[in-house]
Amino acid sequence: MTYDHPRVRVLLDEEDVRVVVLSGEFDIDSVGPVAEVLADAAREGVRRVVDIARVTFADSSLLNILLTGDREDHLVLAGPVPEQFAQLLMLFGAASELEIAPTLAEARARSIPPQG
């Protein structure tokens, strides 16, 4: 899959794992591409890892997309988790709902096949 967006980059699939790299700020007006690439990966039956290490700001819109995506088909977040995003996770009590790995390599290893 090829996807070109200034804040959302999709790495080539390796071992049926699609890595979605997020960079910059995400709010209600900019999360659409994230939802799109996660939904595409779920439809294609590949495991999903979302690299959040370069997220400089996120509101509940991004958190909602990640939680929804995880509930539909498991995904793993790759850190390190930026401080603002960590605060958002704590504020909404979502830290325990999402699997977060400290590195991209570990997130790839932790990802599991989607249920289907």
Protein backbone atom coordinates (compact mmCIF):
# COMPACT_ATOMS: atom_id res chain seq x y z
CA MET A 1 0.00 0.00 0.00
CA THR A 2 1.23 3.48 -0.83
CA TYR A 3 -0.05 6.48 1.05
CA ASP A 4 1.27 10.03 0.92
CA HIS A 5 0.17 12.53 3.54
CA PRO A 6 2.31 15.09 5.40
CA ARG A 7 1.38 13.70 8.84
CA VAL A 8 0.69 10.03 8.02
CA ARG A 9 3.25 7.74 6.42
CA VAL A 10 2.71 4.06 5.77
CA LEU A 11 5.78 1.83 5.68
CA LEU A 12 5.95 -1.15 3.38
CA ASP A 13 4.42 -4.24 4.95
CA GLU A 14 6.89 -6.69 6.43
CA GLU A 15 5.65 -10.07 7.66
CA ASP A 16 2.02 -8.91 7.34
CA VAL A 17 2.59 -5.93 9.66
CA ARG A 18 1.63 -2.47 8.42
CA VAL A 19 3.33 0.38 10.26
CA VAL A 20 1.56 3.72 10.26
CA VAL A 21 3.93 6.52 11.30
CA LEU A 22 2.24 9.64 12.68
CA SER A 23 4.01 13.01 12.83
CA GLY A 24 2.88 16.40 14.06
CA GLU A 25 -0.48 17.51 15.38
CA PHE A 26 -3.78 15.63 15.21
CA ASP A 27 -7.25 16.98 15.91
CA ILE A 28 -10.76 16.58 14.52
CA ASP A 29 -9.74 18.24 11.25
CA SER A 30 -6.66 16.10 10.60
CA VAL A 31 -7.44 12.55 11.82
CA GLY A 32 -9.31 11.38 8.71
CA PRO A 33 -6.21 9.96 7.00
CA VAL A 34 -5.33 7.98 10.14
CA ALA A 35 -8.77 6.37 10.22
CA GLU A 36 -8.51 5.62 6.50
CA VAL A 37 -5.16 3.81 6.60
CA LEU A 38 -6.11 1.82 9.72
CA ALA A 39 -9.40 0.74 8.13
CA ASP A 40 -7.61 -0.23 4.91
CA ALA A 41 -5.14 -2.40 6.83
CA ALA A 42 -7.96 -4.09 8.75
CA ARG A 43 -9.82 -4.84 5.51
CA GLU A 44 -6.65 -6.25 3.99
CA GLY A 45 -6.08 -8.48 7.01
CA VAL A 46 -2.67 -7.17 7.99
CA ARG A 47 -1.54 -6.53 11.53
CA ARG A 48 -1.27 -2.86 12.48
CA VAL A 49 1.33 -0.89 14.38
CA VAL A 50 0.94 2.86 14.91
CA ASP A 51 4.18 4.73 15.61
CA ILE A 52 3.25 7.70 17.82
CA ALA A 53 6.77 8.79 18.81
CA ARG A 54 6.62 11.92 16.58
CA VAL A 55 3.15 13.11 17.59
CA THR A 56 3.52 16.64 18.96
CA PHE A 57 -0.16 17.14 19.83
CA ALA A 58 -3.23 14.92 19.83
CA ASP A 59 -6.77 15.46 21.05
CA SER A 60 -9.49 12.96 21.80
CA SER A 61 -10.21 12.58 18.07
CA LEU A 62 -7.00 10.65 17.51
CA LEU A 63 -7.46 8.71 20.74
CA ASN A 64 -10.96 7.71 19.65
CA ILE A 65 -9.70 6.44 16.27
CA LEU A 66 -6.98 4.39 17.95
CA LEU A 67 -9.38 2.91 20.52
CA THR A 68 -11.95 2.11 17.83
CA GLY A 69 -9.30 0.55 15.63
CA ASP A 70 -8.02 -1.55 18.51
CA ARG A 71 -11.51 -2.79 19.37
CA GLU A 72 -12.20 -3.75 15.76
CA ASP A 73 -8.85 -5.50 15.18
CA HIS A 74 -5.97 -5.37 17.63
CA LEU A 75 -3.28 -2.76 17.03
CA VAL A 76 -0.09 -1.91 18.88
CA LEU A 77 1.24 1.58 19.51
CA ALA A 78 4.98 2.16 19.21
CA GLY A 79 6.67 4.71 21.43
CA PRO A 80 8.32 6.28 23.11
CA VAL A 81 5.05 7.96 24.03
CA PRO A 82 5.25 11.76 23.82
CA GLU A 83 4.44 13.51 27.10
CA GLN A 84 1.29 15.25 25.82
CA PHE A 85 -0.07 11.99 24.42
CA ALA A 86 0.69 10.19 27.68
CA GLN A 87 -1.30 12.85 29.53
CA LEU A 88 -4.20 12.36 27.11
CA LEU A 89 -4.14 8.60 27.74
CA MET A 90 -4.23 9.17 31.50
CA LEU A 91 -6.92 11.83 31.31
CA PHE A 92 -9.26 9.44 29.50
CA GLY A 93 -8.13 6.30 31.33
CA ALA A 94 -7.10 4.74 28.03
CA ALA A 95 -3.54 3.70 28.88
CA SER A 96 -4.72 0.27 29.99
CA GLU A 97 -6.91 -0.24 26.90
CA LEU A 98 -4.17 0.15 24.30
CA GLU A 99 -1.07 -1.99 23.98
CA ILE A 100 1.96 0.28 23.92
CA ALA A 101 5.48 -0.91 23.17
CA PRO A 102 8.51 1.25 23.94
CA THR A 103 9.99 0.87 20.44
CA LEU A 104 8.87 0.19 16.91
CA ALA A 105 10.76 -3.11 16.82
CA GLU A 106 9.03 -4.33 19.97
CA ALA A 107 5.63 -3.18 18.69
CA ARG A 108 6.13 -5.21 15.51
CA ALA A 109 7.01 -8.26 17.60
CA ARG A 110 3.95 -7.82 19.85
CA SER A 111 1.43 -7.39 17.06
CA ILE A 112 -0.91 -10.32 16.60
CA PRO A 113 -2.98 -11.41 13.61
CA PRO A 114 -6.34 -9.63 13.36
CA GLN A 115 -9.41 -11.63 14.31
CA GLY A 116 -11.39 -12.55 11.30
